[in-house]
Amino acid sequence: MIDCIWIPNISLGPFKLGEKISYYESTMGILLDPDLEEEYNVPNSEIFLSSENGLIDMIYSYETCFYKGTNIIGLSIQSVPRLLGCNADEVGSGVEYDDGDIQYPYEFEDLGLRLWVRDNRVVSAAVTCYPDD
């Protein structure tokens, strides 16, 4: 498992937004997902990278996303605003997965963070940098 410290709008663990994906292919052995275009798997982890034009544009973690010494994944969604210092900008509609699992996305746009929540617990984090409008 990779303990990932999140720096809003910049990085999650060793992965930096805007960095060339080829750097991580050569240094960490990340692998292109054969079923998805421009999606990469990080070996021996539950971390996935998405790229556009060869640059990382989103980092997904189902394991760790540490902020101020606390792993956001596993927290109750009610405690997240206290940790982040702001409420979600938007809460999306539930998404039902093949196994019947229903998760809700919580967007924190200024921080470049989308949290997926099931049964009021954060189950994953997607880190990006939203462009200024």
C-alpha atoms as a PDB file:
ATOM      1  CA  MET A   1       0.000   0.000   0.000  1.00  0.00           C
ATOM      2  CA  ILE A   2       1.180   3.496  -0.827  1.00  0.00           C
ATOM      3  CA  ASP A   3       0.433   6.094   1.854  1.00  0.00           C
ATOM      4  CA  CYS A   4      -0.631   9.079  -0.179  1.00  0.00           C
ATOM      5  CA  ILE A   5      -0.446  12.590   1.214  1.00  0.00           C
ATOM      6  CA  TRP A   6      -2.734  14.902  -0.720  1.00  0.00           C
ATOM      7  CA  ILE A   7      -1.700  18.424  -1.662  1.00  0.00           C
ATOM      8  CA  PRO A   8      -4.807  20.168  -3.076  1.00  0.00           C
ATOM      9  CA  ASN A   9      -4.654  20.893  -6.815  1.00  0.00           C
ATOM     10  CA  ILE A  10      -1.079  19.525  -6.998  1.00  0.00           C
ATOM     11  CA  SER A  11      -0.556  15.876  -6.088  1.00  0.00           C
ATOM     12  CA  LEU A  12      -1.512  12.697  -4.291  1.00  0.00           C
ATOM     13  CA  GLY A  13       1.445  10.807  -2.884  1.00  0.00           C
ATOM     14  CA  PRO A  14       4.208  10.527  -5.465  1.00  0.00           C
ATOM     15  CA  PHE A  15       1.839  11.363  -8.351  1.00  0.00           C
ATOM     16  CA  LYS A  16       1.724  14.942  -9.573  1.00  0.00           C
ATOM     17  CA  LEU A  17      -1.060  16.432 -11.674  1.00  0.00           C
ATOM     18  CA  GLY A  18       0.218  17.638 -15.049  1.00  0.00           C
ATOM     19  CA  GLU A  19       3.298  15.385 -14.913  1.00  0.00           C
ATOM     20  CA  LYS A  20       4.119  13.217 -17.943  1.00  0.00           C
ATOM     21  CA  ILE A  21       2.633   9.757 -17.488  1.00  0.00           C
ATOM     22  CA  SER A  22       5.738   8.306 -19.162  1.00  0.00           C
ATOM     23  CA  TYR A  23       7.798   9.327 -16.122  1.00  0.00           C
ATOM     24  CA  TYR A  24       5.760   6.993 -13.906  1.00  0.00           C
ATOM     25  CA  GLU A  25       5.776   4.207 -16.490  1.00  0.00           C
ATOM     26  CA  SER A  26       9.564   4.147 -16.359  1.00  0.00           C
ATOM     27  CA  THR A  27      10.113   4.830 -12.628  1.00  0.00           C
ATOM     28  CA  MET A  28       7.183   3.011 -10.973  1.00  0.00           C
ATOM     29  CA  GLY A  29       6.130   0.500 -13.594  1.00  0.00           C
ATOM     30  CA  ILE A  30       2.546   1.730 -13.894  1.00  0.00           C
ATOM     31  CA  LEU A  31       0.594  -0.149 -16.539  1.00  0.00           C
ATOM     32  CA  LEU A  32      -1.905   0.997 -19.129  1.00  0.00           C
ATOM     33  CA  ASP A  33      -5.286  -0.585 -18.398  1.00  0.00           C
ATOM     34  CA  PRO A  34      -6.069  -2.715 -21.475  1.00  0.00           C
ATOM     35  CA  ASP A  35      -9.804  -2.055 -21.088  1.00  0.00           C
ATOM     36  CA  LEU A  36      -9.657   1.727 -20.705  1.00  0.00           C
ATOM     37  CA  GLU A  37      -8.082   4.403 -22.859  1.00  0.00           C
ATOM     38  CA  GLU A  38      -5.528   6.599 -21.056  1.00  0.00           C
ATOM     39  CA  GLU A  39      -6.155   4.914 -17.677  1.00  0.00           C
ATOM     40  CA  TYR A  40      -3.257   3.386 -15.729  1.00  0.00           C
ATOM     41  CA  ASN A  41      -2.970   0.964 -12.832  1.00  0.00           C
ATOM     42  CA  VAL A  42      -0.328   1.417 -10.147  1.00  0.00           C
ATOM     43  CA  PRO A  43       1.061  -2.056  -9.300  1.00  0.00           C
ATOM     44  CA  ASN A  44       0.335  -3.504  -5.845  1.00  0.00           C
ATOM     45  CA  SER A  45      -2.092  -0.741  -4.943  1.00  0.00           C
ATOM     46  CA  GLU A  46      -5.631   0.522  -5.336  1.00  0.00           C
ATOM     47  CA  ILE A  47      -4.452   3.688  -7.087  1.00  0.00           C
ATOM     48  CA  PHE A  48      -5.307   4.555 -10.663  1.00  0.00           C
ATOM     49  CA  LEU A  49      -4.155   7.400 -12.898  1.00  0.00           C
ATOM     50  CA  SER A  50      -6.008   9.052 -15.740  1.00  0.00           C
ATOM     51  CA  SER A  51      -4.207  11.027 -18.408  1.00  0.00           C
ATOM     52  CA  GLU A  52      -4.965  13.337 -21.269  1.00  0.00           C
ATOM     53  CA  ASN A  53      -2.424  14.042 -23.986  1.00  0.00           C
ATOM     54  CA  GLY A  54       0.201  12.125 -21.995  1.00  0.00           C
ATOM     55  CA  LEU A  55      -0.221  14.195 -18.804  1.00  0.00           C
ATOM     56  CA  ILE A  56      -1.821  13.074 -15.535  1.00  0.00           C
ATOM     57  CA  ASP A  57      -5.170  14.812 -15.132  1.00  0.00           C
ATOM     58  CA  MET A  58      -6.755  12.741 -12.344  1.00  0.00           C
ATOM     59  CA  ILE A  59      -5.537  10.437  -9.567  1.00  0.00           C
ATOM     60  CA  TYR A  60      -7.913   7.940  -7.942  1.00  0.00           C
ATOM     61  CA  SER A  61      -7.288   6.210  -4.637  1.00  0.00           C
ATOM     62  CA  TYR A  62      -9.306   3.548  -2.856  1.00  0.00           C
ATOM     63  CA  GLU A  63      -6.662   3.174  -0.102  1.00  0.00           C
ATOM     64  CA  THR A  64      -5.281   6.378   1.326  1.00  0.00           C
ATOM     65  CA  CYS A  65      -5.660  10.103   0.899  1.00  0.00           C
ATOM     66  CA  PHE A  66      -3.996  11.779   3.872  1.00  0.00           C
ATOM     67  CA  TYR A  67      -4.684  15.432   4.610  1.00  0.00           C
ATOM     68  CA  LYS A  68      -3.458  17.136   7.785  1.00  0.00           C
ATOM     69  CA  GLY A  69      -2.435  13.716   9.113  1.00  0.00           C
ATOM     70  CA  THR A  70      -5.871  12.132   8.613  1.00  0.00           C
ATOM     71  CA  ASN A  71      -6.844   9.551   6.011  1.00  0.00           C
ATOM     72  CA  ILE A  72      -9.964  10.934   4.341  1.00  0.00           C
ATOM     73  CA  ILE A  73     -10.894   7.481   3.030  1.00  0.00           C
ATOM     74  CA  GLY A  74     -12.945   5.794   5.719  1.00  0.00           C
ATOM     75  CA  LEU A  75     -14.099   9.036   7.365  1.00  0.00           C
ATOM     76  CA  SER A  76     -17.767   9.791   7.814  1.00  0.00           C
ATOM     77  CA  ILE A  77     -18.822  12.387   5.273  1.00  0.00           C
ATOM     78  CA  GLN A  78     -20.080  14.541   8.152  1.00  0.00           C
ATOM     79  CA  SER A  79     -16.527  14.962   9.494  1.00  0.00           C
ATOM     80  CA  VAL A  80     -14.961  15.892   6.135  1.00  0.00           C
ATOM     81  CA  PRO A  81     -15.970  19.603   6.058  1.00  0.00           C
ATOM     82  CA  ARG A  82     -14.343  20.129   9.453  1.00  0.00           C
ATOM     83  CA  LEU A  83     -11.085  18.604   8.171  1.00  0.00           C
ATOM     84  CA  LEU A  84     -11.125  20.448   4.824  1.00  0.00           C
ATOM     85  CA  GLY A  85     -12.423  23.755   6.174  1.00  0.00           C
ATOM     86  CA  CYS A  86     -15.293  23.917   3.666  1.00  0.00           C
ATOM     87  CA  ASN A  87     -18.489  22.183   2.629  1.00  0.00           C
ATOM     88  CA  ALA A  88     -18.905  20.320  -0.641  1.00  0.00           C
ATOM     89  CA  ASP A  89     -19.766  22.562  -3.582  1.00  0.00           C
ATOM     90  CA  GLU A  90     -22.036  19.898  -4.981  1.00  0.00           C
ATOM     91  CA  VAL A  91     -23.420  16.497  -4.053  1.00  0.00           C
ATOM     92  CA  GLY A  92     -24.247  14.433  -7.111  1.00  0.00           C
ATOM     93  CA  SER A  93     -26.926  11.847  -7.687  1.00  0.00           C
ATOM     94  CA  GLY A  94     -26.289   8.319  -6.528  1.00  0.00           C
ATOM     95  CA  VAL A  95     -24.588   5.945  -8.939  1.00  0.00           C
ATOM     96  CA  GLU A  96     -25.606   2.291  -8.739  1.00  0.00           C
ATOM     97  CA  TYR A  97     -22.903  -0.249  -9.563  1.00  0.00           C
ATOM     98  CA  ASP A  98     -23.361  -3.775 -10.949  1.00  0.00           C
ATOM     99  CA  ASP A  99     -23.211  -5.260  -7.445  1.00  0.00           C
ATOM    100  CA  GLY A 100     -26.063  -3.005  -6.243  1.00  0.00           C
ATOM    101  CA  ASP A 101     -23.677  -0.687  -4.380  1.00  0.00           C
ATOM    102  CA  ILE A 102     -24.835   2.960  -4.481  1.00  0.00           C
ATOM    103  CA  GLN A 103     -22.270   5.734  -4.104  1.00  0.00           C
ATOM    104  CA  TYR A 104     -22.626   9.521  -4.115  1.00  0.00           C
ATOM    105  CA  PRO A 105     -20.027  12.000  -5.405  1.00  0.00           C
ATOM    106  CA  TYR A 106     -19.156  15.028  -3.258  1.00  0.00           C
ATOM    107  CA  GLU A 107     -17.322  17.769  -5.167  1.00  0.00           C
ATOM    108  CA  PHE A 108     -14.886  20.168  -3.501  1.00  0.00           C
ATOM    109  CA  GLU A 109     -13.997  22.142  -6.617  1.00  0.00           C
ATOM    110  CA  ASP A 110     -11.614  24.726  -5.131  1.00  0.00           C
ATOM    111  CA  LEU A 111      -9.565  21.860  -3.686  1.00  0.00           C
ATOM    112  CA  GLY A 112      -9.680  19.681  -6.809  1.00  0.00           C
ATOM    113  CA  LEU A 113     -11.300  16.827  -4.894  1.00  0.00           C
ATOM    114  CA  ARG A 114     -14.185  14.457  -5.546  1.00  0.00           C
ATOM    115  CA  LEU A 115     -15.066  12.019  -2.777  1.00  0.00           C
ATOM    116  CA  TRP A 116     -17.204   8.956  -3.381  1.00  0.00           C
ATOM    117  CA  VAL A 117     -19.405   8.065  -0.421  1.00  0.00           C
ATOM    118  CA  ARG A 118     -21.309   4.892   0.486  1.00  0.00           C
ATOM    119  CA  ASP A 119     -23.412   4.597   3.639  1.00  0.00           C
ATOM    120  CA  ASN A 120     -22.096   8.011   4.804  1.00  0.00           C
ATOM    121  CA  ARG A 121     -18.431   6.839   4.622  1.00  0.00           C
ATOM    122  CA  VAL A 122     -15.820   7.999   2.117  1.00  0.00           C
ATOM    123  CA  VAL A 123     -14.768   4.997   0.012  1.00  0.00           C
ATOM    124  CA  SER A 124     -12.530   6.685  -2.552  1.00  0.00           C
ATOM    125  CA  ALA A 125     -11.001   9.982  -3.596  1.00  0.00           C
ATOM    126  CA  ALA A 126     -10.384  11.474  -7.023  1.00  0.00           C
ATOM    127  CA  VAL A 127      -7.834  14.265  -7.145  1.00  0.00           C
ATOM    128  CA  THR A 128      -7.640  16.753 -10.010  1.00  0.00           C
ATOM    129  CA  CYS A 129      -7.221  20.443 -10.683  1.00  0.00           C
ATOM    130  CA  TYR A 130     -10.357  22.089 -12.005  1.00  0.00           C
ATOM    131  CA  PRO A 131      -9.661  24.869 -14.513  1.00  0.00           C
ATOM    132  CA  ASP A 132     -10.689  28.376 -13.534  1.00  0.00           C
ATOM    133  CA  ASP A 133     -13.835  29.494 -15.334  1.00  0.00           C
END
